[in-house]
């Protein structure tokens, strides 16, 4: 079961997995790192991924994910890295991204279909070192 209370890290990158991201991953309270890069995952990023309070790194690069970045990720107060490049994500850049002022150092939302301007709160981040938000040419 993916709802494992002892799971700390899950790296399933480069496996060409298909289907949706299981919402039960949100039932892993100790999960610190989730890497699902380069698979064929489809659908929306589950709201439940905002549940693991220990989550520090979330990498969902190069999949077929669509919809908006879930606002539930705002609950991941320890988030240091968020990378979702190369998907079909839509909507505005979430304003909550600027609330991770002390720890978020890596943010890559490039090659998506996001619109709008950068949240002003991102400019107040003391730790953000890498910011990539170039829009996709799709």
N, C-alpha and C. Protein backbone atom coordinates (compact mmCIF):
# COMPACT_ATOMS: atom_id res chain seq x y z
N UNK A 1 0.83 -1.19 0.00
CA UNK A 1 0.00 0.00 0.00
C UNK A 1 0.87 1.25 0.00
N UNK A 2 0.43 2.26 -0.75
CA UNK A 2 1.20 3.50 -0.80
C UNK A 2 0.91 4.40 0.40
N UNK A 3 0.01 4.01 1.24
CA UNK A 3 -0.28 4.78 2.43
C UNK A 3 0.56 4.31 3.60
N UNK A 4 1.85 4.20 3.39
CA UNK A 4 2.77 3.66 4.39
C UNK A 4 3.21 4.76 5.34
N UNK A 5 3.01 4.55 6.62
CA UNK A 5 3.37 5.57 7.60
C UNK A 5 4.87 5.65 7.85
N UNK A 6 5.66 4.71 7.33
CA UNK A 6 7.11 4.71 7.54
C UNK A 6 7.89 5.20 6.32
N UNK A 7 7.24 5.37 5.20
CA UNK A 7 7.92 5.77 3.97
C UNK A 7 8.49 7.17 4.11
N UNK A 8 9.81 7.31 3.88
CA UNK A 8 10.50 8.60 4.01
C UNK A 8 10.86 9.15 2.63
N UNK A 9 11.28 8.28 1.72
CA UNK A 9 11.69 8.73 0.39
C UNK A 9 11.16 7.75 -0.65
N UNK A 10 10.70 8.29 -1.77
CA UNK A 10 10.25 7.45 -2.87
C UNK A 10 10.79 8.03 -4.16
N UNK A 11 11.66 7.29 -4.84
CA UNK A 11 12.20 7.70 -6.13
C UNK A 11 11.76 6.68 -7.17
N UNK A 12 10.75 7.04 -7.90
CA UNK A 12 10.22 6.19 -8.97
C UNK A 12 10.45 6.86 -10.32
N UNK A 13 11.49 7.66 -10.40
CA UNK A 13 11.79 8.38 -11.64
C UNK A 13 12.29 7.43 -12.72
N UNK A 14 12.10 7.85 -13.96
CA UNK A 14 12.60 7.13 -15.14
C UNK A 14 12.06 5.70 -15.23
N UNK A 15 10.81 5.50 -14.85
CA UNK A 15 10.22 4.18 -14.90
C UNK A 15 9.09 4.06 -15.92
N UNK A 16 8.75 5.15 -16.56
CA UNK A 16 7.68 5.16 -17.56
C UNK A 16 6.37 4.62 -16.99
N UNK A 17 6.10 4.97 -15.74
CA UNK A 17 4.85 4.61 -15.10
C UNK A 17 3.72 5.36 -15.79
N UNK A 18 2.54 4.77 -15.84
CA UNK A 18 1.40 5.44 -16.46
C UNK A 18 0.26 5.49 -15.45
N UNK A 19 -0.76 6.24 -15.80
CA UNK A 19 -1.91 6.39 -14.91
C UNK A 19 -1.82 7.69 -14.13
N UNK A 20 -2.53 7.74 -13.04
CA UNK A 20 -2.57 8.94 -12.20
C UNK A 20 -1.65 8.76 -10.99
N UNK A 21 -1.24 9.89 -10.43
CA UNK A 21 -0.47 9.84 -9.18
C UNK A 21 -1.44 9.39 -8.08
N UNK A 22 -1.12 8.34 -7.37
CA UNK A 22 -2.03 7.85 -6.33
C UNK A 22 -2.22 8.87 -5.21
N UNK A 23 -3.46 9.15 -4.91
CA UNK A 23 -3.74 10.11 -3.84
C UNK A 23 -3.31 9.57 -2.48
N UNK A 24 -3.14 8.25 -2.37
CA UNK A 24 -2.73 7.65 -1.10
C UNK A 24 -1.31 8.03 -0.69
N UNK A 25 -0.53 8.62 -1.61
CA UNK A 25 0.80 9.10 -1.22
C UNK A 25 0.70 10.17 -0.14
N UNK A 26 -0.44 10.83 -0.10
CA UNK A 26 -0.67 11.83 0.94
C UNK A 26 -0.84 11.23 2.32
N UNK A 27 -0.97 9.92 2.39
CA UNK A 27 -1.13 9.24 3.67
C UNK A 27 0.21 8.78 4.25
N UNK A 28 1.29 9.36 3.78
CA UNK A 28 2.64 9.02 4.26
C UNK A 28 3.17 10.21 5.04
N UNK A 29 2.87 10.30 6.33
CA UNK A 29 3.20 11.50 7.09
C UNK A 29 4.68 11.80 7.21
N UNK A 30 5.54 10.79 7.04
CA UNK A 30 6.99 11.01 7.17
C UNK A 30 7.68 11.23 5.84
N UNK A 31 6.92 11.24 4.75
CA UNK A 31 7.49 11.39 3.42
C UNK A 31 8.22 12.72 3.29
N UNK A 32 9.52 12.65 2.98
CA UNK A 32 10.35 13.84 2.83
C UNK A 32 10.67 14.14 1.37
N UNK A 33 10.74 13.10 0.54
CA UNK A 33 11.13 13.29 -0.86
C UNK A 33 10.32 12.36 -1.75
N UNK A 34 9.73 12.96 -2.79
CA UNK A 34 8.98 12.18 -3.78
C UNK A 34 9.45 12.60 -5.17
N UNK A 35 9.99 11.65 -5.91
CA UNK A 35 10.49 11.92 -7.26
C UNK A 35 9.79 10.98 -8.25
N UNK A 36 8.95 11.57 -9.08
CA UNK A 36 8.23 10.84 -10.12
C UNK A 36 8.60 11.36 -11.51
N UNK A 37 9.81 11.88 -11.64
CA UNK A 37 10.29 12.46 -12.89
C UNK A 37 10.32 11.41 -14.00
N UNK A 38 10.03 11.89 -15.20
CA UNK A 38 10.09 11.12 -16.44
C UNK A 38 9.32 9.81 -16.37
N UNK A 39 8.03 9.97 -16.24
CA UNK A 39 7.09 8.87 -16.33
C UNK A 39 6.02 9.30 -17.33
N UNK A 40 4.96 8.59 -17.39
CA UNK A 40 3.83 8.95 -18.27
C UNK A 40 2.59 9.19 -17.41
N UNK A 41 2.78 9.83 -16.27
CA UNK A 41 1.68 10.06 -15.34
C UNK A 41 0.77 11.16 -15.89
N UNK A 42 -0.53 10.95 -15.75
CA UNK A 42 -1.52 11.87 -16.31
C UNK A 42 -2.45 12.37 -15.21
N UNK A 43 -3.23 13.38 -15.58
CA UNK A 43 -4.23 13.91 -14.66
C UNK A 43 -3.67 15.03 -13.80
N UNK A 44 -4.40 15.33 -12.77
CA UNK A 44 -4.05 16.44 -11.89
C UNK A 44 -3.10 15.98 -10.78
N UNK A 45 -2.35 16.93 -10.25
CA UNK A 45 -1.54 16.66 -9.07
C UNK A 45 -2.52 16.53 -7.90
N UNK A 46 -2.53 15.42 -7.21
CA UNK A 46 -3.52 15.23 -6.14
C UNK A 46 -3.37 16.25 -5.00
N UNK A 47 -4.50 16.75 -4.54
CA UNK A 47 -4.51 17.66 -3.39
C UNK A 47 -3.84 17.01 -2.19
N UNK A 48 -3.92 15.70 -2.09
CA UNK A 48 -3.39 14.98 -0.93
C UNK A 48 -1.87 15.10 -0.80
N UNK A 49 -1.17 15.51 -1.87
CA UNK A 49 0.28 15.66 -1.77
C UNK A 49 0.66 16.81 -0.84
N UNK A 50 -0.31 17.61 -0.46
CA UNK A 50 -0.06 18.66 0.51
C UNK A 50 -0.17 18.18 1.94
N UNK A 51 -0.45 16.90 2.14
CA UNK A 51 -0.63 16.35 3.48
C UNK A 51 0.68 16.02 4.20
N UNK A 52 1.67 15.39 3.55
CA UNK A 52 2.87 15.02 4.31
C UNK A 52 3.58 16.27 4.84
N UNK A 53 3.52 16.47 6.14
CA UNK A 53 4.07 17.69 6.73
C UNK A 53 5.59 17.74 6.67
N UNK A 54 6.23 16.61 6.41
CA UNK A 54 7.69 16.56 6.36
C UNK A 54 8.24 16.75 4.94
N UNK A 55 7.37 16.87 3.93
CA UNK A 55 7.80 16.91 2.54
C UNK A 55 8.76 18.07 2.29
N UNK A 56 9.95 17.74 1.79
CA UNK A 56 10.98 18.73 1.49
C UNK A 56 11.25 18.86 0.00
N UNK A 57 11.04 17.77 -0.75
CA UNK A 57 11.35 17.77 -2.18
C UNK A 57 10.26 17.05 -2.95
N UNK A 58 9.71 17.74 -3.96
CA UNK A 58 8.68 17.16 -4.82
C UNK A 58 9.09 17.40 -6.27
N UNK A 59 9.39 16.31 -6.98
CA UNK A 59 9.81 16.39 -8.38
C UNK A 59 8.84 15.58 -9.24
N UNK A 60 8.14 16.29 -10.10
CA UNK A 60 7.15 15.68 -10.98
C UNK A 60 7.45 16.00 -12.45
N UNK A 61 8.69 16.23 -12.77
CA UNK A 61 9.10 16.69 -14.09
C UNK A 61 8.78 15.68 -15.19
N UNK A 62 8.51 16.22 -16.38
CA UNK A 62 8.37 15.47 -17.62
C UNK A 62 7.37 14.31 -17.49
N UNK A 63 6.14 14.70 -17.26
CA UNK A 63 5.02 13.78 -17.25
C UNK A 63 3.94 14.39 -18.14
N UNK A 64 2.72 13.97 -17.98
CA UNK A 64 1.60 14.50 -18.75
C UNK A 64 0.56 15.11 -17.82
N UNK A 65 1.04 15.71 -16.73
CA UNK A 65 0.15 16.26 -15.71
C UNK A 65 -0.51 17.54 -16.21
N UNK A 66 -1.77 17.74 -15.83
CA UNK A 66 -2.49 18.93 -16.24
C UNK A 66 -3.21 19.54 -15.05
N UNK A 67 -3.95 20.59 -15.29
CA UNK A 67 -4.67 21.26 -14.21
C UNK A 67 -3.76 22.24 -13.49
N UNK A 68 -4.26 22.76 -12.40
CA UNK A 68 -3.52 23.76 -11.63
C UNK A 68 -2.64 23.12 -10.57
N UNK A 69 -1.67 23.89 -10.13
CA UNK A 69 -0.84 23.45 -9.00
C UNK A 69 -1.73 23.53 -7.76
N UNK A 70 -1.90 22.42 -7.06
CA UNK A 70 -2.86 22.42 -5.95
C UNK A 70 -2.45 23.35 -4.80
N UNK A 71 -3.43 24.08 -4.31
CA UNK A 71 -3.18 25.00 -3.20
C UNK A 71 -2.81 24.26 -1.92
N UNK A 72 -3.12 22.98 -1.87
CA UNK A 72 -2.79 22.19 -0.67
C UNK A 72 -1.28 22.11 -0.44
N UNK A 73 -0.47 22.34 -1.47
CA UNK A 73 0.98 22.31 -1.30
C UNK A 73 1.44 23.42 -0.36
N UNK A 74 0.61 24.40 -0.14
CA UNK A 74 0.95 25.48 0.80
C UNK A 74 1.15 24.94 2.21
N UNK A 75 0.57 23.77 2.50
CA UNK A 75 0.72 23.17 3.83
C UNK A 75 2.07 22.49 4.03
N UNK A 76 2.84 22.35 2.96
CA UNK A 76 4.17 21.71 3.06
C UNK A 76 5.17 22.75 3.51
N UNK A 77 5.16 23.06 4.77
CA UNK A 77 5.94 24.17 5.30
C UNK A 77 7.45 23.95 5.25
N UNK A 78 7.89 22.71 5.00
CA UNK A 78 9.33 22.42 4.94
C UNK A 78 9.83 22.29 3.50
N UNK A 79 8.99 22.61 2.53
CA UNK A 79 9.33 22.41 1.13
C UNK A 79 10.56 23.22 0.73
N UNK A 80 11.58 22.54 0.21
CA UNK A 80 12.81 23.16 -0.25
C UNK A 80 12.92 23.14 -1.77
N UNK A 81 12.36 22.10 -2.39
CA UNK A 81 12.45 21.95 -3.85
C UNK A 81 11.09 21.56 -4.39
N UNK A 82 10.62 22.32 -5.40
CA UNK A 82 9.41 22.00 -6.13
C UNK A 82 9.73 22.08 -7.60
N UNK A 83 9.65 20.95 -8.28
CA UNK A 83 9.98 20.90 -9.69
C UNK A 83 8.90 20.14 -10.45
N UNK A 84 8.23 20.85 -11.34
CA UNK A 84 7.12 20.27 -12.12
C UNK A 84 7.26 20.64 -13.59
N UNK A 85 8.48 20.80 -14.08
CA UNK A 85 8.68 21.26 -15.45
C UNK A 85 8.27 20.17 -16.46
N UNK A 86 7.94 20.62 -17.67
CA UNK A 86 7.65 19.69 -18.75
C UNK A 86 6.34 18.95 -18.61
N UNK A 87 5.33 19.63 -18.12
CA UNK A 87 4.00 19.05 -18.01
C UNK A 87 3.03 19.93 -18.78
N UNK A 88 1.76 19.83 -18.46
CA UNK A 88 0.73 20.66 -19.10
C UNK A 88 -0.06 21.42 -18.05
N UNK A 89 0.63 21.86 -17.02
CA UNK A 89 -0.03 22.57 -15.92
C UNK A 89 -0.55 23.91 -16.41
N UNK A 90 -1.72 24.30 -15.93
CA UNK A 90 -2.37 25.53 -16.37
C UNK A 90 -2.69 26.41 -15.17
N UNK A 91 -3.20 27.59 -15.47
CA UNK A 91 -3.63 28.51 -14.43
C UNK A 91 -2.54 29.49 -14.04
N UNK A 92 -2.81 30.21 -12.98
CA UNK A 92 -1.89 31.23 -12.46
C UNK A 92 -0.78 30.57 -11.64
N UNK A 93 0.34 31.27 -11.56
CA UNK A 93 1.36 30.85 -10.61
C UNK A 93 0.79 31.09 -9.21
N UNK A 94 0.74 30.08 -8.37
CA UNK A 94 0.11 30.23 -7.06
C UNK A 94 0.82 31.25 -6.17
N UNK A 95 0.03 32.08 -5.53
CA UNK A 95 0.61 33.11 -4.66
C UNK A 95 1.28 32.49 -3.43
N UNK A 96 0.87 31.29 -3.02
CA UNK A 96 1.44 30.67 -1.83
C UNK A 96 2.91 30.32 -2.00
N UNK A 97 3.42 30.31 -3.25
CA UNK A 97 4.83 29.94 -3.46
C UNK A 97 5.78 30.89 -2.73
N UNK A 98 5.37 32.09 -2.52
CA UNK A 98 6.22 33.05 -1.81
C UNK A 98 6.21 32.89 -0.31
N UNK A 99 5.35 32.05 0.23
CA UNK A 99 5.29 31.89 1.68
C UNK A 99 6.43 31.03 2.21
N UNK A 100 7.10 30.30 1.33
CA UNK A 100 8.20 29.43 1.75
C UNK A 100 9.49 30.24 1.80
N UNK A 101 9.48 31.34 2.48
CA UNK A 101 10.59 32.30 2.44
C UNK A 101 11.90 31.76 2.98
N UNK A 102 11.86 30.95 3.99
CA UNK A 102 13.09 30.54 4.65
C UNK A 102 13.71 29.28 4.07
N UNK A 103 12.94 28.48 3.31
CA UNK A 103 13.50 27.19 2.91
C UNK A 103 13.45 26.89 1.42
N UNK A 104 12.48 27.38 0.66
CA UNK A 104 12.38 27.04 -0.75
C UNK A 104 13.55 27.65 -1.52
N UNK A 105 14.44 26.78 -2.03
CA UNK A 105 15.60 27.27 -2.78
C UNK A 105 15.52 26.93 -4.26
N UNK A 106 14.66 25.99 -4.64
CA UNK A 106 14.61 25.52 -6.03
C UNK A 106 13.16 25.44 -6.48
N UNK A 107 12.81 26.21 -7.51
CA UNK A 107 11.46 26.22 -8.04
C UNK A 107 11.54 26.18 -9.56
N UNK A 108 11.09 25.08 -10.16
CA UNK A 108 11.09 24.94 -11.61
C UNK A 108 9.69 24.57 -12.07
N UNK A 109 9.03 25.53 -12.69
CA UNK A 109 7.70 25.33 -13.25
C UNK A 109 7.72 25.59 -14.76
N UNK A 110 8.90 25.52 -15.36
CA UNK A 110 9.05 25.83 -16.78
C UNK A 110 8.39 24.77 -17.66
N UNK A 111 8.21 25.14 -18.90
CA UNK A 111 7.64 24.27 -19.91
C UNK A 111 6.28 23.73 -19.51
N UNK A 112 5.44 24.63 -19.05
CA UNK A 112 4.04 24.35 -18.75
C UNK A 112 3.20 25.40 -19.45
N UNK A 113 1.95 25.46 -19.14
CA UNK A 113 1.04 26.43 -19.76
C UNK A 113 0.53 27.42 -18.73
N UNK A 114 1.36 27.75 -17.76
CA UNK A 114 1.00 28.68 -16.69
C UNK A 114 0.97 30.10 -17.23
N UNK A 115 0.10 30.92 -16.65
CA UNK A 115 -0.06 32.30 -17.09
C UNK A 115 0.06 33.24 -15.90
N UNK A 116 0.15 34.52 -16.19
CA UNK A 116 0.18 35.52 -15.13
C UNK A 116 1.59 35.96 -14.82
N UNK A 117 1.71 36.68 -13.75
CA UNK A 117 3.01 37.19 -13.35
C UNK A 117 3.48 36.48 -12.08
N UNK A 118 4.75 36.66 -11.79
CA UNK A 118 5.31 36.07 -10.58
C UNK A 118 4.68 36.71 -9.36
N UNK A 119 4.31 35.92 -8.36
CA UNK A 119 3.79 36.51 -7.13
C UNK A 119 4.84 37.42 -6.48
N UNK A 120 4.43 38.58 -6.05
CA UNK A 120 5.36 39.54 -5.44
C UNK A 120 6.07 38.93 -4.24
N UNK A 121 5.40 38.02 -3.56
CA UNK A 121 5.98 37.41 -2.36
C UNK A 121 7.23 36.58 -2.68
N UNK A 122 7.37 36.12 -3.92
CA UNK A 122 8.58 35.37 -4.30
C UNK A 122 9.82 36.24 -4.19
N UNK A 123 9.66 37.52 -4.46
CA UNK A 123 10.79 38.45 -4.38
C UNK A 123 11.29 38.67 -2.96
N UNK A 124 10.51 38.25 -1.98
CA UNK A 124 10.89 38.43 -0.59
C UNK A 124 11.57 37.19 -0.01
N UNK A 125 11.70 36.16 -0.84
CA UNK A 125 12.30 34.92 -0.37
C UNK A 125 13.79 35.10 -0.13
N UNK A 126 14.25 34.68 1.03
CA UNK A 126 15.67 34.81 1.36
C UNK A 126 16.48 33.60 0.91
N UNK A 127 15.80 32.53 0.49
CA UNK A 127 16.52 31.30 0.16
C UNK A 127 16.45 30.90 -1.30
N UNK A 128 15.52 31.47 -2.06
CA UNK A 128 15.32 31.05 -3.45
C UNK A 128 16.57 31.34 -4.28
N UNK A 129 17.21 30.28 -4.77
CA UNK A 129 18.42 30.39 -5.57
C UNK A 129 18.18 30.09 -7.04
N UNK A 130 17.25 29.16 -7.31
CA UNK A 130 16.98 28.75 -8.68
C UNK A 130 15.49 28.91 -8.94
N UNK A 131 15.16 29.74 -9.95
CA UNK A 131 13.79 29.98 -10.33
C UNK A 131 13.67 29.84 -11.84
N UNK A 132 12.89 28.87 -12.28
CA UNK A 132 12.68 28.65 -13.72
C UNK A 132 11.18 28.60 -13.98
N UNK A 133 10.70 29.52 -14.79
CA UNK A 133 9.27 29.59 -15.09
C UNK A 133 9.01 29.87 -16.57
N UNK A 134 9.99 29.66 -17.44
CA UNK A 134 9.79 29.92 -18.86
C UNK A 134 8.60 29.12 -19.37
N UNK A 135 7.78 29.77 -20.17
CA UNK A 135 6.56 29.13 -20.68
C UNK A 135 6.88 28.19 -21.82
N UNK A 136 6.08 27.17 -21.94
CA UNK A 136 6.24 26.19 -22.99
C UNK A 136 5.87 26.77 -24.34
N UNK A 137 6.47 26.27 -25.37
CA UNK A 137 6.15 26.72 -26.73
C UNK A 137 5.13 25.79 -27.38
N UNK A 138 4.47 24.95 -26.60
CA UNK A 138 3.47 24.03 -27.14
C UNK A 138 2.27 24.75 -27.69
